Amino acid sequence: MSQSKQTAKQTASLLPQPTVPLLKRIHLQQYVVYLGFLAIFLFFAIVLKDSGFLTVRNLSNIVLQTAPATIMAIGLVFVLSAGEIDLSIGSIVAVSALAAAVTLNAYGLVAGVVVGLGAGLLIGFINGVLVAYVRLPSFLVTLATMGLFAGVARSLTDLRSIPVTDAAFTGFFGSGSLLGIPSLVWWTVAAVIIGHIVYRETRFGAHVLATGDNGRAASVSGISVPRIRLAVLMTSGGLAALAGLLYAGRLQAAKYTLGESDLMTVIAAVIVGGTLLNGGKGSIVGALVGSLMMGMLNNGLILMGLSVSDQMIVRGLIILAAVAVSLREKVR
């Protein structure tokens, strides 16, 4: 009897084995951002070859313009990976930039930076407490605080723009350079490296992924899920505040409109970059490439002469495609 079973196994091993379709063996979402970046770059390089797209100045501008969005995208990777969402980042940018500018002009550089970053951390703390301990949905909480602090930004200075004239602040946070490289690039590189190490190489990063993948299982295994949710929302608030300081430094002014249109771009960059909407998986490097891709897309569409509404349509289609890939990957 055992000999017949062994013979059957040997016969089965000789039969053609079912092949797994290539698309099922390749995790499409891991590569779609890089393929999309390359495809968009080649398209604009060919179509806009006589419009200055490939000039060093234009490509440098794309990198500089996307720096604040990249900083925000890193924070959003942590939030989405934990299974939450933060819609208030645009409002945090405006409030933090205005708070920093007002304090800077009144009390000096250090106070301005502390108040600007502190405003973002405080808003993130409020979001985190409501989500983690009051147990309200993060979508509704951050939607409410988005509107609330957008109003605060408008009333903070009566819709006036606040100039930032401190040379040390503008040089350090936006318009300066080190070793011939703009400070915005240094901030982006530092944020990506630190974010990637924390996300991939630390216990905190592992706990974030575990929380987003299965909160109940993470809690049973000893992870403080509420503390993780609070931490990721505070991280998002702090990085959005840093983005606000970078905006104020580069533009040498703070206004309530800062960050107003960034939410859609940041979400698109993060999702296209390989972070799942439902949590449990993400990529800091992918968010960087996604942010650069969205910046390049905006730049190319402007050079092509498309209207703002057309640009919004294109970004919406890209988000839709990225969400479809994200959900498909989660089902697998």
Protein backbone atom coordinates (compact mmCIF):
# COMPACT_ATOMS: atom_id res chain seq x y z
CA MET A 1 0.00 0.00 0.00
CA SER A 2 2.79 2.41 0.92
CA GLN A 3 4.62 1.42 -2.30
CA SER A 4 1.55 2.32 -4.39
CA LYS A 5 1.33 5.72 -2.68
CA GLN A 6 4.99 6.36 -3.40
CA THR A 7 4.49 5.40 -7.03
CA ALA A 8 1.52 7.75 -7.27
CA LYS A 9 3.58 10.61 -5.87
CA GLN A 10 6.40 9.95 -8.33
CA THR A 11 3.91 9.89 -11.19
CA ALA A 12 2.31 13.14 -10.03
CA SER A 13 5.72 14.81 -9.88
CA LEU A 14 6.29 13.97 -13.53
CA LEU A 15 3.04 15.56 -14.63
CA PRO A 16 3.07 19.22 -15.80
CA GLN A 17 2.59 21.46 -12.80
CA PRO A 18 0.04 24.27 -12.97
CA THR A 19 1.74 27.55 -13.75
CA VAL A 20 0.97 30.72 -11.83
CA PRO A 21 0.15 33.64 -14.12
CA LEU A 22 2.95 36.15 -14.32
CA LEU A 23 0.83 39.04 -12.99
CA LYS A 24 0.01 37.01 -9.88
CA ARG A 25 3.66 36.27 -9.21
CA ILE A 26 4.71 39.89 -9.65
CA HIS A 27 3.46 42.33 -7.04
CA LEU A 28 2.43 45.06 -9.44
CA GLN A 29 2.17 47.77 -6.82
CA GLN A 30 5.85 47.46 -5.89
CA TYR A 31 6.88 48.61 -9.34
CA VAL A 32 4.01 50.69 -10.68
CA VAL A 33 5.36 53.94 -9.24
CA TYR A 34 8.76 53.47 -10.87
CA LEU A 35 7.28 52.42 -14.20
CA GLY A 36 4.81 55.30 -14.02
CA PHE A 37 7.58 57.78 -13.21
CA LEU A 38 9.65 56.56 -16.15
CA ALA A 39 6.68 56.58 -18.53
CA ILE A 40 5.61 60.12 -17.57
CA PHE A 41 9.18 61.39 -17.79
CA LEU A 42 9.70 59.91 -21.26
CA PHE A 43 6.33 61.23 -22.44
CA PHE A 44 7.06 64.81 -21.40
CA ALA A 45 10.67 64.57 -22.58
CA ILE A 46 9.41 63.72 -26.08
CA VAL A 47 6.34 65.96 -26.23
CA LEU A 48 7.94 68.97 -24.52
CA LYS A 49 11.47 68.70 -25.88
CA ASP A 50 11.25 72.26 -27.24
CA SER A 51 9.47 73.73 -24.19
CA GLY A 52 12.31 73.57 -21.68
CA PHE A 53 11.14 70.49 -19.76
CA LEU A 54 14.56 68.82 -19.78
CA THR A 55 16.51 71.89 -18.70
CA VAL A 56 18.44 71.66 -15.44
CA ARG A 57 16.56 74.68 -14.10
CA ASN A 58 13.14 73.14 -14.73
CA LEU A 59 14.04 69.75 -13.29
CA SER A 60 15.55 71.45 -10.23
CA ASN A 61 12.37 73.44 -9.76
CA ILE A 62 10.35 70.22 -9.77
CA VAL A 63 12.49 68.82 -6.94
CA LEU A 64 12.29 72.04 -4.91
CA GLN A 65 8.55 72.46 -5.40
CA THR A 66 7.81 68.90 -4.30
CA ALA A 67 9.94 69.02 -1.12
CA PRO A 68 7.12 70.05 1.28
CA ALA A 69 4.74 67.51 -0.28
CA THR A 70 7.38 64.79 0.13
CA ILE A 71 7.80 65.66 3.81
CA MET A 72 4.02 65.40 4.32
CA ALA A 73 3.89 62.16 2.33
CA ILE A 74 6.36 60.51 4.72
CA GLY A 75 4.06 61.27 7.65
CA LEU A 76 1.05 60.00 5.75
CA VAL A 77 2.81 56.70 5.01
CA PHE A 78 2.95 56.03 8.76
CA VAL A 79 -0.69 57.02 9.22
CA LEU A 80 -2.05 54.89 6.36
CA SER A 81 0.18 51.96 7.32
CA ALA A 82 -1.44 52.01 10.76
CA GLY A 83 -4.87 51.80 9.11
CA GLU A 84 -5.80 55.46 9.68
CA ILE A 85 -6.06 58.63 7.55
CA ASP A 86 -5.12 62.27 8.13
CA LEU A 87 -7.04 64.83 6.06
CA SER A 88 -5.91 67.80 8.17
CA ILE A 89 -2.32 68.07 6.92
CA GLY A 90 -3.07 70.99 4.58
CA SER A 91 -4.60 73.02 7.40
CA ILE A 92 -1.69 72.13 9.69
CA VAL A 93 0.72 73.52 7.08
CA ALA A 94 -1.06 76.89 7.05
CA VAL A 95 -1.52 77.19 10.83
CA SER A 96 2.09 76.19 11.56
CA ALA A 97 3.56 78.54 8.96
CA LEU A 98 1.48 81.48 10.20
CA ALA A 99 2.17 80.73 13.87
CA ALA A 100 5.90 80.49 13.14
CA ALA A 101 5.91 83.73 11.13
CA VAL A 102 4.01 85.74 13.75
CA THR A 103 6.17 84.41 16.61
CA LEU A 104 9.38 84.80 14.61
CA ASN A 105 8.73 88.47 13.95
CA ALA A 106 7.84 89.10 17.59
CA TYR A 107 10.21 86.88 19.59
CA GLY A 108 12.95 85.65 17.27
CA LEU A 109 14.11 82.57 15.40
CA VAL A 110 14.10 79.88 18.08
CA ALA A 111 10.67 80.81 19.40
CA GLY A 112 9.24 80.90 15.87
CA VAL A 113 10.51 77.42 15.02
CA VAL A 114 9.36 75.94 18.35
CA VAL A 115 5.87 77.46 18.06
CA GLY A 116 5.52 76.44 14.40
CA LEU A 117 6.49 72.82 15.01
CA GLY A 118 4.60 72.75 18.29
CA ALA A 119 1.39 73.82 16.58
CA GLY A 120 1.58 70.85 14.23
CA LEU A 121 2.38 68.41 17.02
CA LEU A 122 -0.48 69.78 19.10
CA ILE A 123 -3.00 69.34 16.29
CA GLY A 124 -1.65 65.84 15.69
CA PHE A 125 -2.03 65.13 19.41
CA ILE A 126 -5.66 66.30 19.34
CA ASN A 127 -6.35 64.10 16.32
CA GLY A 128 -4.58 61.17 17.95
CA VAL A 129 -6.42 61.39 21.28
CA LEU A 130 -9.80 61.55 19.56
CA VAL A 131 -8.95 58.58 17.34
CA ALA A 132 -6.98 56.38 19.74
CA TYR A 133 -8.75 56.96 23.06
CA VAL A 134 -12.18 58.41 22.25
CA ARG A 135 -12.30 55.88 19.39
CA LEU A 136 -13.72 58.14 16.73
CA PRO A 137 -13.01 57.33 13.05
CA SER A 138 -9.88 59.11 11.86
CA PHE A 139 -11.59 60.10 8.62
CA LEU A 140 -14.28 62.06 10.45
CA VAL A 141 -11.93 63.47 13.09
CA THR A 142 -9.37 64.81 10.61
CA LEU A 143 -12.10 66.01 8.26
CA ALA A 144 -13.47 68.09 11.15
CA THR A 145 -10.07 69.41 12.23
CA MET A 146 -9.21 70.18 8.60
CA GLY A 147 -12.14 72.62 8.46
CA LEU A 148 -11.61 73.85 12.00
CA PHE A 149 -7.95 74.78 11.58
CA ALA A 150 -8.46 76.11 8.07
CA GLY A 151 -10.77 78.62 9.75
CA VAL A 152 -8.16 79.26 12.45
CA ALA A 153 -5.55 79.98 9.76
CA ARG A 154 -7.86 82.49 8.11
CA SER A 155 -8.72 84.27 11.35
CA LEU A 156 -5.20 84.17 12.78
CA THR A 157 -4.04 87.10 10.63
CA ASP A 158 -7.30 88.37 9.10
CA LEU A 159 -6.41 86.83 5.70
CA ARG A 160 -3.18 88.85 5.55
CA SER A 161 0.15 87.49 4.38
CA ILE A 162 2.87 87.63 7.04
CA PRO A 163 6.36 88.42 5.67
CA VAL A 164 9.32 86.38 6.90
CA THR A 165 12.46 88.49 6.73
CA ASP A 166 14.78 86.62 9.09
CA ALA A 167 17.70 85.61 6.87
CA ALA A 168 18.72 82.72 9.12
CA PHE A 169 15.22 81.23 9.03
CA THR A 170 14.74 81.57 5.26
CA GLY A 171 18.22 80.25 4.58
CA PHE A 172 17.85 77.24 6.86
CA PHE A 173 14.30 76.30 5.90
CA GLY A 174 13.91 77.22 2.27
CA SER A 175 15.98 79.53 0.14
CA GLY A 176 19.50 78.77 1.38
CA SER A 177 22.01 76.13 0.31
CA LEU A 178 24.79 73.99 1.73
CA LEU A 179 27.74 72.80 -0.38
CA GLY A 180 25.93 74.17 -3.41
CA ILE A 181 22.83 72.04 -2.75
CA PRO A 182 19.57 73.81 -1.83
CA SER A 183 18.45 73.39 1.78
CA LEU A 184 15.09 72.00 0.60
CA VAL A 185 16.94 69.06 -0.96
CA TRP A 186 18.85 68.45 2.28
CA TRP A 187 15.60 68.46 4.27
CA THR A 188 14.02 66.01 1.82
CA VAL A 189 16.99 63.64 1.88
CA ALA A 190 17.18 63.73 5.68
CA ALA A 191 13.45 63.12 6.09
CA VAL A 192 13.45 60.20 3.63
CA ILE A 193 16.49 58.51 5.21
CA ILE A 194 15.23 58.90 8.79
CA GLY A 195 11.68 57.94 7.81
CA HIS A 196 12.86 54.83 5.95
CA ILE A 197 15.07 53.67 8.84
CA VAL A 198 12.32 54.20 11.42
CA TYR A 199 9.73 52.54 9.20
CA ARG A 200 11.80 49.50 8.20
CA GLU A 201 14.43 48.97 10.89
CA THR A 202 12.82 49.83 14.23
CA ARG A 203 10.32 48.19 16.56
CA PHE A 204 8.04 51.21 16.19
CA GLY A 205 7.85 50.70 12.43
CA ALA A 206 7.05 47.02 12.89
CA HIS A 207 4.31 47.89 15.39
CA VAL A 208 2.81 50.41 12.94
CA LEU A 209 2.61 47.75 10.23
CA ALA A 210 1.20 45.18 12.65
CA THR A 211 -1.45 47.64 13.83
CA GLY A 212 -2.54 48.41 10.28
CA ASP A 213 -2.53 44.76 9.22
CA ASN A 214 -4.64 43.50 12.14
CA GLY A 215 -5.27 45.74 15.13
CA ARG A 216 -6.81 43.01 17.29
CA ALA A 217 -3.95 40.61 16.72
CA ALA A 218 -1.45 43.40 17.41
CA SER A 219 -3.20 44.21 20.68
CA VAL A 220 -3.24 40.55 21.75
CA SER A 221 0.49 40.29 21.01
CA GLY A 222 1.22 43.10 23.44
CA ILE A 223 1.36 46.13 21.17
CA SER A 224 -0.26 49.28 22.55
CA VAL A 225 -2.46 50.01 19.54
CA PRO A 226 -3.88 53.31 20.90
CA ARG A 227 -0.36 54.58 21.56
CA ILE A 228 0.70 53.67 18.01
CA ARG A 229 -2.29 55.49 16.53
CA LEU A 230 -1.55 58.54 18.64
CA ALA A 231 2.11 58.45 17.61
CA VAL A 232 1.49 58.21 13.87
CA LEU A 233 -1.00 61.10 13.89
CA MET A 234 1.44 63.23 15.89
CA THR A 235 4.18 62.29 13.42
CA SER A 236 1.98 63.37 10.56
CA GLY A 237 1.16 66.65 12.32
CA GLY A 238 4.82 67.35 13.08
CA LEU A 239 5.97 66.68 9.51
CA ALA A 240 3.12 68.79 8.10
CA ALA A 241 4.30 71.60 10.40
CA LEU A 242 7.84 71.17 9.06
CA ALA A 243 6.44 71.43 5.54
CA GLY A 244 4.77 74.69 6.58
CA LEU A 245 8.12 76.07 7.76
CA LEU A 246 9.71 75.04 4.46
CA TYR A 247 6.98 76.85 2.55
CA ALA A 248 7.43 79.97 4.67
CA GLY A 249 11.20 79.84 4.26
CA ARG A 250 11.13 79.38 0.51
CA LEU A 251 8.42 81.97 -0.18
CA GLN A 252 9.69 84.29 2.60
CA ALA A 253 6.09 84.72 3.70
CA ALA A 254 3.25 82.79 5.35
CA LYS A 255 -0.35 82.85 4.20
CA TYR A 256 -3.54 80.96 5.00
CA THR A 257 -3.54 79.38 1.53
CA LEU A 258 -0.33 77.43 2.14
CA GLY A 259 -0.95 73.69 1.84
CA GLU A 260 -4.51 74.26 0.68
CA SER A 261 -4.16 72.16 -2.48
CA ASP A 262 -1.59 69.67 -1.19
CA LEU A 263 -3.86 67.01 0.30
CA MET A 264 -4.86 65.46 -3.01
CA THR A 265 -1.28 65.50 -4.29
CA VAL A 266 0.12 63.94 -1.11
CA ILE A 267 -2.49 61.19 -0.98
CA ALA A 268 -1.84 60.40 -4.64
CA ALA A 269 1.93 60.27 -4.07
CA VAL A 270 1.59 57.92 -1.09
CA ILE A 271 -0.88 55.53 -2.71
CA VAL A 272 0.95 55.47 -6.05
CA GLY A 273 4.15 54.89 -4.07
CA GLY A 274 2.90 51.57 -2.74
CA THR A 275 1.16 52.28 0.58
CA LEU A 276 -2.09 50.40 1.03
CA LEU A 277 -5.21 52.32 1.99
CA ASN A 278 -6.24 49.60 4.45
CA GLY A 279 -2.89 49.56 6.24
CA GLY A 280 -0.22 46.95 6.83
CA LYS A 281 2.08 47.90 3.95
CA GLY A 282 3.86 51.01 2.76
CA SER A 283 7.03 52.50 1.32
CA ILE A 284 8.88 55.70 2.23
CA VAL A 285 11.02 55.56 -0.91
CA GLY A 286 7.91 54.88 -2.97
CA ALA A 287 6.28 57.98 -1.46
CA LEU A 288 9.32 60.03 -2.49
CA VAL A 289 9.14 58.76 -6.08
CA GLY A 290 5.37 59.24 -6.09
CA SER A 291 5.76 62.83 -4.91
CA LEU A 292 8.35 63.56 -7.59
CA MET A 293 6.09 61.95 -10.17
CA MET A 294 3.14 64.13 -9.16
CA GLY A 295 5.36 67.22 -9.25
CA MET A 296 6.67 66.28 -12.67
CA LEU A 297 3.12 65.65 -13.86
CA ASN A 298 1.94 69.07 -12.67
CA ASN A 299 4.95 70.74 -14.24
CA GLY A 300 4.50 68.97 -17.57
CA LEU A 301 0.78 69.69 -17.75
CA ILE A 302 1.43 73.38 -17.10
CA LEU A 303 4.06 73.48 -19.86
CA MET A 304 1.53 71.81 -22.16
CA GLY A 305 -0.89 74.65 -21.43
CA LEU A 306 -3.57 72.60 -19.66
CA SER A 307 -5.95 74.44 -17.35
CA VAL A 308 -6.14 73.87 -13.60
CA SER A 309 -9.36 71.90 -14.02
CA ASP A 310 -7.69 69.59 -16.56
CA GLN A 311 -4.79 69.06 -14.18
CA MET A 312 -7.22 68.10 -11.41
CA ILE A 313 -8.93 65.60 -13.72
CA VAL A 314 -5.61 63.93 -14.56
CA ARG A 315 -4.59 63.72 -10.89
CA GLY A 316 -7.98 62.26 -10.02
CA LEU A 317 -7.61 59.55 -12.67
CA ILE A 318 -4.16 58.67 -11.35
CA ILE A 319 -5.49 58.35 -7.80
CA LEU A 320 -8.34 56.17 -9.05
CA ALA A 321 -5.93 53.85 -10.84
CA ALA A 322 -3.63 53.71 -7.80
CA VAL A 323 -6.53 52.88 -5.47
CA ALA A 324 -7.64 50.08 -7.81
CA VAL A 325 -4.15 48.55 -7.71
CA SER A 326 -3.95 49.05 -3.93
CA LEU A 327 -7.23 47.26 -3.24
CA ARG A 328 -6.35 44.46 -5.65
CA GLU A 329 -3.05 43.90 -3.85
CA LYS A 330 -4.85 43.80 -0.47
CA VAL A 331 -7.29 41.15 -1.70
CA ARG A 332 -4.43 38.93 -2.81
